[in-house]
Amino acid sequence: MTISGKTHGVYIHVPFCKAKCKYCAFISTPDFSLQKSYVAALIEEIKTSPLVGSAVDSIYIGGGTPSCLYRGGIAEILAAVKSSFIVADDAEITSECNPESVDEAFVDECKNSGVNRISMGLQSCGNDVLRACGRIHTFEQYEDAIAILSERFDNISSDIILGLPMQKLSDIDESIKSMTCVKHISMYALAVEHGTPLYTDGYSVDDDMIADWYEYACAKLSDIGFYRYEVSNFAKSGYESKHNKKYWSCMPYIGFGVAAHGYDGERTRFLHGDDIIEYISSPKAESYTLTDKDMYNEYIMLRLRTENGIVLSDFTGRFGYDFYERNKDIIDKLKREKLIVCRDGAIAIAPERMFVMNTIIEQLMLD
């Protein structure tokens, strides 16, 4: 399959972690003996992709923990991408990392390989909270890592999770205050997923409390210059994640690596299996075709996660009919209930209702 005239994002999954957090449901392994063979498989998949030669303006190396990959691994992966695709000079190139595996060698490798954006997990500034959820770094290690990174990178993102074991509102406050060197913050409500240690332990979150914490944190972030551009993402002006915006805008992206997904921007999605050994022996993705209903529901769900919502002209260009006219009765009802707002040719979730957006979105999706 070849898609012409489109600029893609590239996502690369690095499934290695020193230890698995108690809330984590992502595909990862502590078996570092697989790293060299896994990178070799990644490079094979990149170089033999049917989309070789396509234009790329964002690359995101996620995990897992890319910073615990052997030194030189990130450079090898990015060299393969750059030799196989037309990577824009101003492409956003992100690598995730965790505090315990950030050192000068990692920072130098990223900088020399063209990485210009770093995303580092904090989750909490409380060491008791970090221990309770299985994180293997301390807050002091986070501070040390930020100091190293900020000497070489201007564009740094960090994460906060709401609802972790032993967490208090004061922890959220202190975590936000600690992020003086970052330009982007991702803030997620904890989801206790089946199969994770927290699920096995019977841990649950108080949804009403988390909603209150989220509202409080949003106000605090706004006070220090972060604006919300997606339900879980906040940025200083000009520091929004170009790569993640592709997902929410239903733009094309290519996924490489175990469990990675891709999308052609139209009707075809791609996915890899979850078995790391199987991927190493056969690094390829399967494809499936979206129905009209799938395309519509995905678009509604993803666009309404964003502050700008559904741009009516974009919807008409994609689907060939008017979104408002198709859903006039429901939209008018949601407007009367102050759940959505209509402005500048767009329909969006009311800002104060973003945390309960799922019940609103469901009313606009096809059964």
Protein backbone atom coordinates (compact mmCIF):
# COMPACT_ATOMS: atom_id res chain seq x y z
CA MET A 1 0.00 0.00 0.00
CA THR A 2 1.34 3.44 -0.92
CA ILE A 3 -0.19 6.70 0.17
CA SER A 4 0.90 9.76 -1.75
CA GLY A 5 0.64 13.39 -0.74
CA LYS A 6 0.43 12.73 3.03
CA THR A 7 2.79 13.56 5.84
CA HIS A 8 3.02 10.80 8.42
CA GLY A 9 3.98 10.47 12.03
CA VAL A 10 6.09 7.50 13.11
CA TYR A 11 5.61 5.68 16.43
CA ILE A 12 8.27 3.20 17.60
CA HIS A 13 7.64 0.91 20.57
CA VAL A 14 10.56 -0.06 22.81
CA PRO A 15 9.19 -2.76 25.17
CA PHE A 16 11.88 -2.86 27.86
CA CYS A 17 11.57 -1.82 31.49
CA LYS A 18 13.72 -2.56 34.53
CA ALA A 19 10.49 -3.21 36.44
CA LYS A 20 6.79 -2.99 35.66
CA CYS A 21 4.70 -0.41 37.49
CA LYS A 22 1.71 -1.81 39.34
CA TYR A 23 -0.77 0.11 37.15
CA CYS A 24 0.90 -0.63 33.80
CA ALA A 25 -0.93 -2.62 31.12
CA PHE A 26 1.50 -1.82 28.28
CA ILE A 27 3.58 -4.53 26.62
CA SER A 28 7.04 -4.62 28.22
CA THR A 29 9.67 -7.04 29.51
CA PRO A 30 12.65 -6.88 31.90
CA ASP A 31 14.58 -9.35 29.70
CA PHE A 32 17.28 -7.05 28.36
CA SER A 33 19.00 -9.95 26.58
CA LEU A 34 16.41 -9.46 23.81
CA GLN A 35 17.31 -5.84 23.14
CA LYS A 36 19.82 -6.28 20.29
CA SER A 37 17.65 -8.77 18.39
CA TYR A 38 14.58 -6.59 18.95
CA VAL A 39 16.27 -3.49 17.53
CA ALA A 40 17.45 -5.55 14.56
CA ALA A 41 13.83 -6.60 13.93
CA LEU A 42 12.67 -2.99 14.27
CA ILE A 43 15.22 -1.83 11.71
CA GLU A 44 14.20 -4.61 9.33
CA GLU A 45 10.55 -3.58 9.61
CA ILE A 46 11.40 0.09 9.10
CA LYS A 47 13.54 -0.52 6.04
CA THR A 48 11.05 -2.88 4.39
CA SER A 49 7.93 -0.84 5.11
CA PRO A 50 5.62 -0.41 2.09
CA LEU A 51 5.58 3.28 3.00
CA VAL A 52 9.33 3.78 2.59
CA GLY A 53 9.93 7.17 0.99
CA SER A 54 6.93 8.83 2.63
CA ALA A 55 7.19 12.27 4.21
CA VAL A 56 7.42 12.29 8.03
CA ASP A 57 7.14 15.26 10.38
CA SER A 58 7.01 13.56 13.79
CA ILE A 59 8.74 10.57 15.37
CA TYR A 60 7.84 9.26 18.81
CA ILE A 61 9.90 6.59 20.60
CA GLY A 62 7.76 5.21 23.41
CA GLY A 63 7.59 2.20 25.63
CA GLY A 64 8.35 0.60 27.86
CA THR A 65 11.32 2.74 28.77
CA PRO A 66 13.44 3.81 25.77
CA SER A 67 16.10 5.25 28.09
CA CYS A 68 16.91 1.76 29.39
CA LEU A 69 17.75 0.56 25.87
CA TYR A 70 21.45 -0.20 25.33
CA ARG A 71 23.44 2.91 24.45
CA GLY A 72 23.50 3.33 20.69
CA GLY A 73 20.11 1.68 20.21
CA ILE A 74 18.14 4.90 19.83
CA ALA A 75 20.74 6.21 17.36
CA GLU A 76 20.45 3.03 15.27
CA ILE A 77 16.64 3.22 15.19
CA LEU A 78 16.54 6.89 14.21
CA ALA A 79 19.21 6.38 11.55
CA ALA A 80 17.02 3.67 9.99
CA VAL A 81 13.98 5.97 9.99
CA LYS A 82 15.92 8.85 8.45
CA SER A 83 17.40 6.63 5.73
CA SER A 84 13.99 5.16 4.87
CA PHE A 85 11.69 8.18 5.05
CA ILE A 86 11.81 11.85 4.10
CA VAL A 87 12.03 13.36 7.57
CA ALA A 88 11.29 17.08 7.68
CA ASP A 89 14.04 19.38 8.91
CA ASP A 90 11.71 20.68 11.61
CA ALA A 91 10.29 17.28 12.54
CA GLU A 92 9.36 16.79 16.19
CA ILE A 93 11.39 13.81 17.46
CA THR A 94 10.47 12.60 20.95
CA SER A 95 11.97 9.96 23.20
CA GLU A 96 10.36 8.83 26.42
CA CYS A 97 12.52 8.14 29.45
CA ASN A 98 12.37 7.42 33.17
CA PRO A 99 14.47 9.20 35.79
CA GLU A 100 16.45 6.17 36.95
CA SER A 101 17.90 5.52 33.47
CA VAL A 102 18.71 9.09 32.43
CA ASP A 103 22.45 9.77 32.32
CA GLU A 104 24.85 11.90 30.30
CA ALA A 105 25.32 9.14 27.72
CA PHE A 106 21.56 8.90 27.10
CA VAL A 107 21.25 12.68 26.79
CA ASP A 108 24.21 12.88 24.39
CA GLU A 109 22.87 10.05 22.24
CA CYS A 110 19.44 11.62 21.98
CA LYS A 111 20.87 15.05 21.15
CA ASN A 112 23.29 13.71 18.56
CA SER A 113 20.59 11.55 16.94
CA GLY A 114 18.20 14.47 16.39
CA VAL A 115 15.84 14.00 19.33
CA ASN A 116 14.45 17.45 20.18
CA ARG A 117 11.71 16.58 22.65
CA ILE A 118 11.87 14.49 25.83
CA SER A 119 8.95 12.98 27.73
CA MET A 120 9.86 11.82 31.23
CA GLY A 121 7.53 10.07 33.63
CA LEU A 122 7.19 11.53 37.13
CA GLN A 123 3.62 10.45 38.10
CA SER A 124 4.07 11.77 41.67
CA CYS A 125 6.57 13.77 43.69
CA GLY A 126 5.84 11.67 46.78
CA ASN A 127 8.34 8.87 47.34
CA ASP A 128 5.77 6.90 49.36
CA VAL A 129 3.33 7.15 46.44
CA LEU A 130 6.01 6.13 43.95
CA ARG A 131 6.89 3.05 46.01
CA ALA A 132 3.23 2.11 46.46
CA CYS A 133 2.63 2.04 42.71
CA GLY A 134 5.85 0.21 41.86
CA ARG A 135 7.92 3.06 40.43
CA ILE A 136 11.64 2.38 40.92
CA HIS A 137 12.83 5.99 40.98
CA THR A 138 12.65 8.62 43.69
CA PHE A 139 11.60 12.24 43.34
CA GLU A 140 15.22 13.22 43.95
CA GLN A 141 16.25 11.13 40.90
CA TYR A 142 13.61 12.95 38.86
CA GLU A 143 15.08 16.29 39.90
CA ASP A 144 18.59 15.13 38.99
CA ALA A 145 17.40 13.86 35.60
CA ILE A 146 15.54 17.11 34.84
CA ALA A 147 18.70 19.07 35.64
CA ILE A 148 20.70 17.01 33.13
CA LEU A 149 18.02 17.13 30.45
CA SER A 150 17.26 20.83 30.73
CA GLU A 151 20.88 21.67 29.92
CA ARG A 152 20.41 20.16 26.44
CA PHE A 153 16.67 20.23 25.74
CA ASP A 154 14.17 23.07 25.80
CA ASN A 155 11.13 20.92 25.01
CA ILE A 156 10.51 18.60 27.98
CA SER A 157 7.24 16.94 28.97
CA SER A 158 6.37 15.17 32.22
CA ASP A 159 3.46 13.03 33.43
CA ILE A 160 1.23 13.11 36.48
CA ILE A 161 -1.27 10.38 37.42
CA LEU A 162 -4.30 11.15 39.60
CA GLY A 163 -5.61 8.48 41.96
CA LEU A 164 -2.47 6.50 42.81
CA PRO A 165 -2.29 4.56 46.10
CA MET A 166 -1.49 6.77 49.12
CA GLN A 167 -1.88 9.93 47.03
CA LYS A 168 -3.35 13.10 48.52
CA LEU A 169 -4.38 16.39 46.94
CA SER A 170 -1.27 18.01 48.40
CA ASP A 171 0.81 15.57 46.32
CA ILE A 172 -0.85 16.84 43.12
CA ASP A 173 -0.12 20.41 44.19
CA GLU A 174 3.54 19.69 44.93
CA SER A 175 4.00 17.66 41.74
CA ILE A 176 2.78 20.59 39.64
CA LYS A 177 4.99 23.04 41.55
CA SER A 178 8.02 20.83 40.93
CA MET A 179 7.73 21.02 37.14
CA THR A 180 9.47 24.34 36.70
CA CYS A 181 11.60 23.20 33.75
CA VAL A 182 8.92 21.49 31.65
CA LYS A 183 6.86 22.97 28.83
CA HIS A 184 4.27 20.19 28.54
CA ILE A 185 2.40 18.12 31.12
CA SER A 186 0.27 15.02 30.56
CA MET A 187 -2.14 14.40 33.43
CA TYR A 188 -4.09 11.16 33.52
CA ALA A 189 -6.70 9.70 35.82
CA LEU A 190 -5.58 6.27 36.98
CA ALA A 191 -7.30 3.41 35.17
CA VAL A 192 -7.05 0.15 37.12
CA GLU A 193 -6.88 -2.29 34.24
CA HIS A 194 -7.56 -6.02 34.35
CA GLY A 195 -4.40 -8.07 34.83
CA THR A 196 -2.35 -5.36 36.54
CA PRO A 197 -1.12 -5.84 40.13
CA LEU A 198 -3.35 -3.00 41.34
CA TYR A 199 -6.36 -4.81 39.87
CA THR A 200 -5.29 -8.09 41.49
CA ASP A 201 -4.89 -6.28 44.82
CA GLY A 202 -8.45 -4.98 44.52
CA TYR A 203 -7.41 -1.35 44.40
CA SER A 204 -10.04 1.09 43.18
CA VAL A 205 -10.30 4.85 42.76
CA ASP A 206 -12.94 7.28 43.96
CA ASP A 207 -14.20 8.79 40.70
CA ASP A 208 -15.80 11.80 42.37
CA MET A 209 -12.59 12.60 44.24
CA ILE A 210 -10.51 12.28 41.07
CA ALA A 211 -12.91 14.60 39.23
CA ASP A 212 -12.40 17.19 41.98
CA TRP A 213 -8.62 16.73 41.84
CA TYR A 214 -8.65 17.10 38.07
CA GLU A 215 -10.59 20.38 38.27
CA TYR A 216 -8.20 21.64 40.95
CA ALA A 217 -5.11 20.65 38.91
CA CYS A 218 -6.48 22.26 35.74
CA ALA A 219 -6.83 25.56 37.59
CA LYS A 220 -3.32 25.29 39.04
CA LEU A 221 -1.83 24.53 35.63
CA SER A 222 -3.66 27.46 34.07
CA ASP A 223 -2.27 29.75 36.79
CA ILE A 224 1.31 28.89 35.75
CA GLY A 225 0.76 29.26 32.01
CA PHE A 226 -0.27 25.79 30.84
CA TYR A 227 -3.35 25.61 28.64
CA ARG A 228 -5.34 22.45 28.08
CA TYR A 229 -5.47 21.44 24.42
CA GLU A 230 -6.68 17.88 25.00
CA VAL A 231 -8.43 16.39 28.00
CA SER A 232 -5.19 15.00 29.48
CA ASN A 233 -2.59 17.30 27.90
CA PHE A 234 -1.46 20.79 28.87
CA ALA A 235 1.23 22.91 27.24
CA LYS A 236 2.93 26.26 27.30
CA SER A 237 2.09 28.09 24.07
CA GLY A 238 3.91 26.52 21.12
CA TYR A 239 4.82 23.31 22.95
CA GLU A 240 1.85 21.09 22.09
CA SER A 241 2.80 17.56 21.04
CA LYS A 242 2.77 17.57 17.23
CA HIS A 243 2.84 13.77 17.19
CA ASN A 244 -0.06 13.17 19.57
CA LYS A 245 -2.18 15.75 17.77
CA LYS A 246 -2.02 13.44 14.75
CA TYR A 247 -3.88 10.78 16.72
CA TRP A 248 -6.63 13.15 17.84
CA SER A 249 -6.97 14.65 14.35
CA CYS A 250 -7.22 11.25 12.61
CA MET A 251 -4.07 11.95 10.61
CA PRO A 252 -1.84 9.17 9.20
CA TYR A 253 0.90 7.59 11.29
CA ILE A 254 3.04 4.48 11.00
CA GLY A 255 3.65 2.14 13.93
CA PHE A 256 6.77 0.00 14.28
CA GLY A 257 7.38 -2.58 16.97
CA VAL A 258 5.46 -5.03 19.11
CA ALA A 259 1.93 -3.84 20.00
CA ALA A 260 2.34 -0.72 17.85
CA HIS A 261 -0.56 0.59 15.79
CA GLY A 262 -0.75 2.61 12.59
CA TYR A 263 -3.38 4.41 10.52
CA ASP A 264 -3.52 5.55 6.91
CA GLY A 265 -5.68 8.56 7.77
CA GLU A 266 -8.64 7.09 5.91
CA ARG A 267 -10.09 3.59 6.22
CA THR A 268 -7.20 1.27 7.10
CA ARG A 269 -5.66 0.62 10.50
CA PHE A 270 -2.60 -1.53 11.24
CA LEU A 271 -1.66 -3.44 14.35
CA HIS A 272 1.11 -5.68 15.66
CA GLY A 273 0.70 -8.61 17.99
CA ASP A 274 1.67 -8.47 21.68
CA ASP A 275 4.30 -11.25 21.66
CA ILE A 276 7.85 -9.85 21.69
CA ILE A 277 9.53 -13.11 20.65
CA GLU A 278 7.09 -13.54 17.79
CA TYR A 279 7.73 -9.97 16.65
CA ILE A 280 11.49 -10.54 16.61
CA SER A 281 11.04 -13.54 14.33
CA SER A 282 8.47 -11.86 12.08
CA PRO A 283 8.37 -8.05 12.39
CA LYS A 284 5.25 -7.10 10.52
CA ALA A 285 1.82 -5.60 11.08
CA GLU A 286 -1.61 -6.85 10.08
CA SER A 287 -4.24 -4.54 8.63
CA TYR A 288 -7.99 -4.21 8.97
CA THR A 289 -10.57 -2.03 7.29
CA LEU A 290 -12.79 0.39 9.16
CA THR A 291 -16.50 0.49 8.41
CA ASP A 292 -18.30 3.80 7.85
CA LYS A 293 -19.59 3.51 11.40
CA ASP A 294 -16.09 2.84 12.77
CA MET A 295 -14.67 5.88 10.97
CA TYR A 296 -17.46 8.14 12.22
CA ASN A 297 -17.29 6.97 15.84
CA GLU A 298 -13.49 7.16 15.98
CA TYR A 299 -13.53 10.68 14.59
CA ILE A 300 -16.18 11.85 17.06
CA MET A 301 -14.45 10.22 20.03
CA LEU A 302 -10.97 11.56 19.19
CA ARG A 303 -11.89 15.07 18.11
CA LEU A 304 -14.11 15.72 21.12
CA ARG A 305 -11.17 14.92 23.43
CA THR A 306 -9.59 18.17 22.22
CA GLU A 307 -10.26 21.72 23.30
CA ASN A 308 -11.13 22.70 19.70
CA GLY A 309 -13.56 19.81 19.21
CA ILE A 310 -15.10 18.97 15.84
CA VAL A 311 -14.34 21.54 13.15
CA LEU A 312 -17.44 21.38 10.97
CA SER A 313 -15.66 22.09 7.68
CA ASP A 314 -13.15 19.29 8.36
CA PHE A 315 -15.98 16.87 9.17
CA THR A 316 -17.79 17.74 5.92
CA GLY A 317 -14.58 17.29 3.94
CA ARG A 318 -14.07 13.82 5.41
CA PHE A 319 -17.63 12.48 5.43
CA GLY A 320 -19.42 14.49 2.75
CA TYR A 321 -22.30 15.77 4.87
CA ASP A 322 -22.96 18.36 7.57
CA PHE A 323 -22.37 17.15 11.15
CA TYR A 324 -24.69 19.71 12.73
CA GLU A 325 -27.60 19.01 10.38
CA ARG A 326 -27.20 15.25 10.90
CA ASN A 327 -27.25 15.64 14.69
CA LYS A 328 -29.25 18.84 15.15
CA ASP A 329 -31.69 17.57 17.79
CA ILE A 330 -28.98 16.00 19.97
CA ILE A 331 -26.64 18.99 19.60
CA ASP A 332 -29.37 21.47 20.51
CA LYS A 333 -30.25 19.37 23.57
CA LEU A 334 -26.59 19.21 24.69
CA LYS A 335 -26.28 22.97 24.19
CA ARG A 336 -29.33 23.63 26.37
CA GLU A 337 -27.81 21.42 29.05
CA LYS A 338 -24.55 23.42 28.77
CA LEU A 339 -22.58 20.25 27.98
CA ILE A 340 -21.22 21.46 24.64
CA VAL A 341 -20.39 24.81 23.07
CA CYS A 342 -20.61 25.91 19.44
CA ARG A 343 -18.06 28.52 18.38
CA ASP A 344 -16.07 29.56 15.30
CA GLY A 345 -17.43 26.77 13.12
CA ALA A 346 -16.71 24.07 15.68
CA ILE A 347 -18.55 22.00 18.30
CA ALA A 348 -16.66 21.17 21.49
CA ILE A 349 -17.23 19.80 24.97
CA ALA A 350 -17.85 22.63 27.43
CA PRO A 351 -14.50 23.23 29.21
CA GLU A 352 -15.93 22.55 32.67
CA ARG A 353 -17.38 19.21 31.44
CA MET A 354 -14.23 17.73 29.93
CA PHE A 355 -13.67 15.23 32.75
CA VAL A 356 -17.11 13.65 32.19
CA MET A 357 -16.84 13.82 28.43
CA ASN A 358 -17.49 10.12 27.75
CA THR A 359 -21.19 10.32 28.62
CA ILE A 360 -21.51 13.32 26.28
CA ILE A 361 -19.59 11.71 23.42
CA GLU A 362 -21.70 8.55 23.61
CA GLN A 363 -24.79 10.55 22.73
CA LEU A 364 -23.22 11.66 19.46
CA MET A 365 -21.87 8.26 18.39
CA LEU A 366 -23.63 5.72 16.19
CA ASP A 367 -25.05 2.63 17.91
